[in-house]
Protein backbone atom coordinates (compact mmCIF):
# COMPACT_ATOMS: atom_id res chain seq x y z
CA MET A 1 59.69 109.78 50.45
CA GLU A 2 61.51 112.34 52.54
CA LEU A 3 59.41 111.31 55.50
CA ASP A 4 60.56 107.66 55.12
CA GLN A 5 64.21 108.77 54.91
CA LEU A 6 63.76 110.98 57.97
CA GLY A 7 62.21 108.06 59.91
CA THR A 8 65.05 105.74 58.88
CA ALA A 9 67.67 108.30 59.87
CA LEU A 10 65.93 108.89 63.21
CA ARG A 11 65.75 105.11 63.93
CA SER A 12 69.46 104.77 63.02
CA ALA A 13 70.35 107.67 65.33
CA ILE A 14 68.34 106.17 68.19
CA ASP A 15 69.89 102.71 67.59
CA LEU A 16 73.41 104.21 67.47
CA ASN A 17 72.73 106.21 70.65
CA ALA A 18 71.50 103.06 72.47
CA LYS A 19 74.60 101.10 71.35
CA TYR A 20 76.84 103.96 72.53
CA TYR A 21 75.33 104.04 76.02
CA ALA A 22 75.34 100.22 76.27
CA ALA A 23 79.05 100.16 75.40
CA LEU A 24 79.75 102.99 77.87
CA LEU A 25 77.86 101.14 80.61
CA LYS A 26 79.78 97.90 79.90
CA LEU A 27 83.11 99.77 79.92
CA SER A 28 82.21 101.48 83.23
CA THR A 29 81.15 98.16 84.76
CA ASP A 30 84.39 96.45 83.67
CA TYR A 31 86.43 99.36 85.04
CA LEU A 32 84.69 99.30 88.42
CA GLN A 33 85.06 95.50 88.68
CA SER A 34 88.78 95.75 87.91
CA LEU A 35 89.17 98.57 90.43
CA GLY A 36 87.25 96.58 93.05
CA ALA A 37 89.49 93.55 92.47
CA LEU A 38 92.54 95.72 93.14
CA ILE A 39 91.09 97.16 96.33
CA ILE A 40 89.42 93.99 97.66
CA PRO A 41 91.01 90.90 96.08
CA SER A 42 88.52 88.09 95.56
CA THR A 43 89.23 84.42 96.01
CA ALA A 44 86.04 83.48 94.22
CA THR A 45 86.20 81.74 90.89
CA PRO A 46 83.99 83.10 88.08
CA GLY A 47 80.52 81.67 88.22
CA PRO A 48 77.60 81.62 90.63
CA ALA A 49 78.06 83.31 94.00
CA SER A 50 77.66 79.95 95.76
CA THR A 51 81.04 78.78 94.42
CA ALA A 52 82.93 81.59 96.21
CA THR A 53 85.45 80.40 98.77
CA PRO A 54 86.01 82.49 101.91
CA VAL A 55 89.39 84.14 102.44
CA SER A 56 91.37 82.12 104.94
CA PRO A 57 92.74 84.30 107.75
CA VAL A 58 96.40 84.03 108.73
CA PRO A 59 96.65 81.39 111.46
CA PRO A 60 97.83 82.84 114.76
CA LEU A 61 101.15 81.96 116.38
CA LEU A 62 100.70 79.75 119.43
CA LEU A 63 102.35 80.41 122.79
CA ALA A 64 101.48 77.26 124.74
CA ALA A 65 103.06 75.82 127.89
CA ARG A 66 102.23 74.39 131.32
CA ALA A 67 102.25 76.57 134.43
CA GLY A 68 105.84 77.40 135.38
CA GLU A 69 107.14 76.82 131.83
CA GLU A 70 108.06 79.38 129.20
CA ALA A 71 106.01 79.51 125.98
CA GLN A 72 107.99 80.66 122.94
CA THR A 73 107.42 81.57 119.31
CA ALA A 74 109.06 83.74 116.65
CA PHE A 75 108.10 85.75 113.57
CA ALA A 76 109.84 87.86 110.94
CA VAL A 77 109.49 91.61 110.38
CA THR A 78 110.40 92.87 106.90
CA ASN A 79 110.94 96.48 105.85
CA SER A 80 108.94 96.68 102.63
CA LEU A 81 109.45 100.45 102.39
CA SER A 82 112.00 102.18 100.17
CA GLN A 83 113.74 103.91 103.09
CA PRO A 84 115.41 102.74 106.31
CA ILE A 85 113.19 102.66 109.39
CA THR A 86 113.36 102.14 113.11
CA ALA A 87 110.46 99.81 113.90
CA ARG A 88 109.03 98.75 117.23
CA VAL A 89 106.89 95.79 118.25
CA VAL A 90 103.65 96.75 120.01
CA ILE A 91 101.66 94.01 121.73
CA ARG A 92 97.88 94.39 121.64
CA GLY A 93 95.32 92.41 123.59
CA ASP A 94 94.06 91.97 127.12
CA GLU A 95 96.20 91.99 130.27
CA ILE A 96 97.42 88.40 129.74
CA ALA A 97 98.35 89.02 126.08
CA ARG A 98 100.28 92.16 127.06
CA ARG A 99 102.51 90.04 129.34
CA VAL A 100 104.13 88.54 126.24
CA ARG A 101 107.67 89.87 125.69
CA ALA A 102 109.21 90.47 122.27
CA VAL A 103 112.98 90.57 121.65
CA PRO A 104 114.06 92.82 120.09
CA GLU A 105 111.39 95.37 120.93
CA THR A 106 112.92 97.92 118.53
CA MET A 107 114.91 97.30 115.35
CA MET A 108 116.59 99.35 112.62
CA LEU A 109 115.87 97.92 109.16
CA GLN A 110 117.18 98.90 105.74
CA PRO A 111 114.82 98.58 102.73
CA GLY A 112 114.11 94.88 102.11
CA GLU A 113 115.89 93.81 105.29
CA HIS A 114 114.19 91.53 107.81
CA CYS A 115 114.61 90.66 111.47
CA VAL A 116 113.41 87.67 113.48
CA VAL A 117 111.53 88.64 116.62
CA LYS A 118 111.38 86.09 119.44
CA ALA A 119 108.35 86.20 121.71
CA SER A 120 107.95 84.49 125.06
CA LEU A 121 105.73 84.30 128.10
CA LEU A 122 106.31 82.63 131.47
CA MET A 123 103.06 80.71 131.93
CA ASP A 124 101.61 80.99 135.42
CA ALA A 125 98.66 79.55 137.32
CA SER A 126 96.61 82.76 136.91
CA ILE A 127 95.97 81.81 133.26
CA GLU A 128 93.02 79.43 132.91
CA VAL A 129 93.85 75.98 131.51
CA ASN A 130 92.93 75.48 127.81
CA ARG A 131 91.43 78.98 127.51
CA ASP A 132 92.67 80.81 124.41
CA VAL A 133 93.77 84.39 125.01
CA ARG A 134 94.13 86.26 121.72
CA GLY A 135 96.54 89.07 121.00
CA GLU A 136 98.45 90.68 118.20
CA PHE A 137 101.98 91.84 117.46
CA ALA A 138 101.80 95.13 115.54
CA ILE A 139 104.56 97.10 113.85
CA PRO A 140 103.13 100.66 113.65
CA GLU A 141 105.89 101.88 111.34
CA LEU A 142 104.87 99.15 108.89
CA SER A 143 101.12 99.56 109.21
CA SER A 144 100.34 96.52 107.09
CA GLN A 145 102.29 94.13 109.32
CA THR A 146 100.37 92.53 112.19
CA VAL A 147 100.81 89.01 113.50
CA PRO A 148 98.00 87.42 115.54
CA PHE A 149 98.88 85.11 118.43
CA VAL A 150 97.14 82.90 120.97
CA VAL A 151 98.28 82.24 124.55
CA ARG A 152 97.15 78.86 125.90
CA ARG A 153 98.03 77.27 129.23
CA LEU A 154 98.31 73.53 128.87
CA PRO A 155 97.09 71.17 131.61
CA ASP A 156 99.70 70.14 134.17
CA SER A 157 101.35 66.79 133.40
CA SER A 158 99.59 65.11 136.34
CA SER A 159 96.14 66.14 135.09
CA ALA A 160 97.07 65.37 131.45
CA ALA A 161 97.67 61.72 132.41
CA GLY A 162 94.11 61.42 133.77
CA SER A 163 90.97 62.32 131.90
CA SER A 164 91.30 64.68 128.95
CA THR A 165 88.92 67.20 130.52
CA THR A 166 88.10 67.60 134.20
CA ALA A 167 85.12 69.42 135.63
CA GLY A 168 85.43 73.16 135.23
CA GLU A 169 88.03 72.92 132.44
CA ALA A 170 87.11 74.03 128.95
CA LYS A 171 88.10 72.03 125.91
CA PRO A 172 90.62 73.88 123.74
CA GLU A 173 89.31 75.65 120.66
CA ILE A 174 90.47 74.30 117.36
């Protein structure tokens, strides 16, 4: 009789131990999934992996004009910090992208304050027609703020009236 009671107690202890570790594993899994969602937000809906939708990147600003014209765009910079800052606009990209000018280049912003930055580029014949040149406006003092842009020289009005693409010209990327 004591042997039966000992066996029952042992089975109960093993069952309780298995339930404990299963609950601990589930709790750890839920915690890591919640932590992962905070670090890398998901746009996927619950369900099979095939239903996940890719994260759409921020569309770039477009600086487009014909040769001899000025391409213009603008974007806002917001101080999301809790202290005032002096921020500067840094332009990243190849030699053509670095020709873009930002006004103002430097700004003093109070917490929550924003400033509109105007960007421009005098388009010249050295830039290939319909070739996208990618760049980025960065605000190092606000490390999370970057704004992508694309420089595109449009065909001259005389060639735009003819065929949509002449030999040697690339079609614009969409």
